[in-house]
Amino acid sequence: MFDDFFSLINRKLTNLIKDKDMEVEALKSKNSSLLSILQTQSGAGTNVGSDSTAGVNTTGQSNEVIGENCSIDSEHKLHTLRCF
């Protein structure tokens, strides 16, 4: 009885983590696309100034940190699931 219960919980949590990981990857891809558009516009001489370019670089670095934190969080969740 309890084994079935924990097995069900494990499957549901595993699926939830996979769904969230896919969502994070989709958001990273979206951010990357938007950053490349901004960088392309700034390189083409449009009205995007050098201040905006600095913001783009900062945003890119922020996205890398967020990605690393998400990876660490996902690993922690998987470790927690393995403990069951």
N, C-alpha and C. Protein backbone atom coordinates (compact mmCIF):
# COMPACT_ATOMS: atom_id res chain seq x y z
N MET A 1 0.82 -1.20 0.00
CA MET A 1 0.00 0.00 0.00
C MET A 1 0.86 1.26 0.00
N PHE A 2 1.80 1.34 0.97
CA PHE A 2 2.66 2.52 1.05
C PHE A 2 3.63 2.57 -0.12
N ASP A 3 4.07 1.40 -0.59
CA ASP A 3 4.98 1.37 -1.73
C ASP A 3 4.29 1.94 -2.96
N ASP A 4 3.04 1.60 -3.17
CA ASP A 4 2.28 2.14 -4.29
C ASP A 4 2.12 3.65 -4.16
N PHE A 5 1.85 4.09 -2.95
CA PHE A 5 1.67 5.51 -2.68
C PHE A 5 2.95 6.29 -2.99
N PHE A 6 4.09 5.82 -2.50
CA PHE A 6 5.36 6.50 -2.75
C PHE A 6 5.76 6.41 -4.21
N SER A 7 5.44 5.31 -4.85
CA SER A 7 5.72 5.18 -6.27
C SER A 7 4.92 6.20 -7.08
N LEU A 8 3.66 6.37 -6.72
CA LEU A 8 2.81 7.35 -7.39
C LEU A 8 3.34 8.77 -7.16
N ILE A 9 3.70 9.07 -5.93
CA ILE A 9 4.25 10.39 -5.61
C ILE A 9 5.54 10.63 -6.40
N ASN A 10 6.37 9.62 -6.44
CA ASN A 10 7.64 9.72 -7.16
C ASN A 10 7.40 10.02 -8.64
N ARG A 11 6.48 9.31 -9.27
CA ARG A 11 6.19 9.54 -10.68
C ARG A 11 5.64 10.93 -10.92
N LYS A 12 4.72 11.37 -10.06
CA LYS A 12 4.13 12.70 -10.23
C LYS A 12 5.16 13.80 -10.04
N LEU A 13 6.01 13.67 -9.03
CA LEU A 13 7.04 14.69 -8.80
C LEU A 13 8.08 14.69 -9.91
N THR A 14 8.42 13.51 -10.40
CA THR A 14 9.37 13.42 -11.50
C THR A 14 8.80 14.11 -12.74
N ASN A 15 7.54 13.86 -13.04
CA ASN A 15 6.90 14.51 -14.19
C ASN A 15 6.83 16.02 -14.00
N LEU A 16 6.54 16.45 -12.79
CA LEU A 16 6.48 17.88 -12.49
C LEU A 16 7.84 18.53 -12.71
N ILE A 17 8.89 17.89 -12.25
CA ILE A 17 10.24 18.42 -12.42
C ILE A 17 10.60 18.48 -13.90
N LYS A 18 10.27 17.43 -14.65
CA LYS A 18 10.55 17.43 -16.08
C LYS A 18 9.81 18.56 -16.78
N ASP A 19 8.55 18.77 -16.42
CA ASP A 19 7.76 19.85 -17.01
C ASP A 19 8.39 21.21 -16.71
N LYS A 20 8.80 21.41 -15.48
CA LYS A 20 9.41 22.68 -15.09
C LYS A 20 10.76 22.87 -15.78
N ASP A 21 11.53 21.80 -15.94
CA ASP A 21 12.80 21.89 -16.65
C ASP A 21 12.57 22.29 -18.10
N MET A 22 11.55 21.72 -18.74
CA MET A 22 11.24 22.10 -20.11
C MET A 22 10.80 23.55 -20.18
N GLU A 23 10.04 24.00 -19.20
CA GLU A 23 9.60 25.39 -19.15
C GLU A 23 10.81 26.33 -19.00
N VAL A 24 11.74 25.96 -18.14
CA VAL A 24 12.96 26.77 -17.95
C VAL A 24 13.75 26.83 -19.25
N GLU A 25 13.90 25.69 -19.93
CA GLU A 25 14.64 25.67 -21.18
C GLU A 25 13.96 26.53 -22.24
N ALA A 26 12.64 26.49 -22.30
CA ALA A 26 11.90 27.33 -23.25
C ALA A 26 12.11 28.81 -22.95
N LEU A 27 12.08 29.17 -21.67
CA LEU A 27 12.31 30.56 -21.29
C LEU A 27 13.74 30.99 -21.59
N LYS A 28 14.71 30.11 -21.37
CA LYS A 28 16.10 30.44 -21.70
C LYS A 28 16.24 30.68 -23.20
N SER A 29 15.59 29.83 -23.98
CA SER A 29 15.65 29.98 -25.43
C SER A 29 15.01 31.29 -25.87
N LYS A 30 13.88 31.62 -25.27
CA LYS A 30 13.20 32.88 -25.59
C LYS A 30 14.09 34.06 -25.24
N ASN A 31 14.69 34.03 -24.05
CA ASN A 31 15.59 35.11 -23.64
C ASN A 31 16.78 35.23 -24.57
N SER A 32 17.33 34.11 -24.97
CA SER A 32 18.46 34.11 -25.88
C SER A 32 18.07 34.73 -27.22
N SER A 33 16.90 34.39 -27.71
CA SER A 33 16.41 34.96 -28.98
C SER A 33 16.23 36.47 -28.86
N LEU A 34 15.63 36.89 -27.77
CA LEU A 34 15.42 38.32 -27.57
C LEU A 34 16.74 39.07 -27.44
N LEU A 35 17.69 38.47 -26.74
CA LEU A 35 19.00 39.10 -26.60
C LEU A 35 19.71 39.22 -27.95
N SER A 36 19.62 38.18 -28.76
CA SER A 36 20.27 38.24 -30.07
C SER A 36 19.62 39.30 -30.95
N ILE A 37 18.30 39.47 -30.84
CA ILE A 37 17.61 40.52 -31.60
C ILE A 37 18.10 41.89 -31.14
N LEU A 38 18.19 42.10 -29.83
CA LEU A 38 18.67 43.38 -29.32
C LEU A 38 20.11 43.65 -29.74
N GLN A 39 20.95 42.62 -29.70
CA GLN A 39 22.34 42.80 -30.09
C GLN A 39 22.45 43.08 -31.58
N THR A 40 21.61 42.44 -32.38
CA THR A 40 21.62 42.68 -33.81
C THR A 40 21.18 44.11 -34.11
N GLN A 41 20.16 44.56 -33.42
CA GLN A 41 19.68 45.93 -33.62
C GLN A 41 20.73 46.94 -33.19
N SER A 42 21.41 46.69 -32.11
CA SER A 42 22.42 47.64 -31.64
C SER A 42 23.62 47.64 -32.59
N GLY A 43 23.92 46.52 -33.20
CA GLY A 43 25.02 46.44 -34.15
C GLY A 43 24.66 47.06 -35.49
N ALA A 44 23.37 47.14 -35.82
CA ALA A 44 22.93 47.67 -37.11
C ALA A 44 22.83 49.19 -37.10
N GLY A 45 23.06 49.83 -35.95
CA GLY A 45 23.03 51.28 -35.88
C GLY A 45 21.64 51.86 -35.72
N THR A 46 20.72 51.09 -35.20
CA THR A 46 19.39 51.63 -34.94
C THR A 46 19.43 52.51 -33.71
N ASN A 47 18.31 52.90 -33.20
CA ASN A 47 18.23 53.83 -32.09
C ASN A 47 18.59 53.23 -30.74
N VAL A 48 19.08 52.01 -30.72
CA VAL A 48 19.48 51.41 -29.46
C VAL A 48 20.86 51.94 -29.11
N GLY A 49 20.99 52.65 -27.99
CA GLY A 49 22.24 53.31 -27.63
C GLY A 49 23.19 52.39 -26.90
N SER A 50 24.35 52.92 -26.58
CA SER A 50 25.36 52.11 -25.90
C SER A 50 24.92 51.73 -24.49
N ASP A 51 24.08 52.58 -23.87
CA ASP A 51 23.55 52.24 -22.55
C ASP A 51 22.70 50.98 -22.63
N SER A 52 21.93 50.86 -23.70
CA SER A 52 21.10 49.67 -23.88
C SER A 52 21.95 48.44 -24.10
N THR A 53 23.04 48.60 -24.82
CA THR A 53 23.93 47.47 -25.07
C THR A 53 24.52 46.96 -23.76
N ALA A 54 24.88 47.87 -22.88
CA ALA A 54 25.39 47.45 -21.57
C ALA A 54 24.33 46.68 -20.82
N GLY A 55 23.08 47.12 -20.94
CA GLY A 55 21.97 46.42 -20.30
C GLY A 55 21.78 45.04 -20.86
N VAL A 56 21.99 44.89 -22.17
CA VAL A 56 21.87 43.59 -22.81
C VAL A 56 22.93 42.65 -22.26
N ASN A 57 24.17 43.13 -22.14
CA ASN A 57 25.23 42.28 -21.61
C ASN A 57 24.94 41.86 -20.18
N THR A 58 24.44 42.79 -19.38
CA THR A 58 24.09 42.47 -18.00
C THR A 58 22.97 41.44 -17.96
N THR A 59 21.98 41.62 -18.84
CA THR A 59 20.87 40.67 -18.89
C THR A 59 21.35 39.29 -19.30
N GLY A 60 22.26 39.24 -20.25
CA GLY A 60 22.81 37.95 -20.67
C GLY A 60 23.53 37.26 -19.54
N GLN A 61 24.28 38.02 -18.77
CA GLN A 61 24.97 37.44 -17.63
C GLN A 61 23.96 36.99 -16.58
N SER A 62 22.91 37.76 -16.39
CA SER A 62 21.87 37.38 -15.43
C SER A 62 21.20 36.08 -15.84
N ASN A 63 20.95 35.93 -17.14
CA ASN A 63 20.32 34.70 -17.63
C ASN A 63 21.21 33.49 -17.38
N GLU A 64 22.53 33.66 -17.51
CA GLU A 64 23.44 32.55 -17.23
C GLU A 64 23.36 32.14 -15.76
N VAL A 65 23.32 33.13 -14.88
CA VAL A 65 23.23 32.85 -13.44
C VAL A 65 21.91 32.16 -13.13
N ILE A 66 20.82 32.63 -13.72
CA ILE A 66 19.51 32.01 -13.50
C ILE A 66 19.54 30.56 -13.98
N GLY A 67 20.13 30.33 -15.15
CA GLY A 67 20.23 28.97 -15.66
C GLY A 67 21.01 28.05 -14.74
N GLU A 68 22.10 28.57 -14.19
CA GLU A 68 22.89 27.77 -13.26
C GLU A 68 22.09 27.47 -12.00
N ASN A 69 21.37 28.46 -11.48
CA ASN A 69 20.56 28.25 -10.29
C ASN A 69 19.45 27.24 -10.55
N CYS A 70 18.86 27.28 -11.73
CA CYS A 70 17.80 26.32 -12.07
C CYS A 70 18.36 24.92 -12.15
N SER A 71 19.56 24.78 -12.69
CA SER A 71 20.19 23.47 -12.78
C SER A 71 20.46 22.91 -11.38
N ILE A 72 20.97 23.77 -10.51
CA ILE A 72 21.25 23.34 -9.14
C ILE A 72 19.95 22.95 -8.45
N ASP A 73 18.89 23.74 -8.65
CA ASP A 73 17.60 23.45 -8.03
C ASP A 73 17.04 22.13 -8.54
N SER A 74 17.16 21.87 -9.84
CA SER A 74 16.66 20.62 -10.41
C SER A 74 17.43 19.43 -9.86
N GLU A 75 18.76 19.57 -9.72
CA GLU A 75 19.56 18.49 -9.16
C GLU A 75 19.15 18.22 -7.72
N HIS A 76 18.88 19.27 -6.97
CA HIS A 76 18.45 19.11 -5.58
C HIS A 76 17.11 18.37 -5.52
N LYS A 77 16.19 18.71 -6.41
CA LYS A 77 14.89 18.05 -6.43
C LYS A 77 15.03 16.57 -6.77
N LEU A 78 15.87 16.27 -7.75
CA LEU A 78 16.08 14.87 -8.12
C LEU A 78 16.72 14.10 -6.99
N HIS A 79 17.67 14.72 -6.29
CA HIS A 79 18.28 14.08 -5.15
C HIS A 79 17.25 13.79 -4.07
N THR A 80 16.36 14.74 -3.84
CA THR A 80 15.29 14.58 -2.84
C THR A 80 14.38 13.41 -3.22
N LEU A 81 14.07 13.32 -4.52
CA LEU A 81 13.21 12.22 -4.97
C LEU A 81 13.89 10.87 -4.78
N ARG A 82 15.19 10.82 -5.01
CA ARG A 82 15.91 9.56 -4.86
C ARG A 82 15.91 9.09 -3.40
N CYS A 83 15.79 10.03 -2.48
CA CYS A 83 15.78 9.68 -1.05
C CYS A 83 14.53 8.89 -0.69
N PHE A 84 13.45 9.08 -1.45
CA PHE A 84 12.22 8.33 -1.18
C PHE A 84 12.45 6.91 -1.58
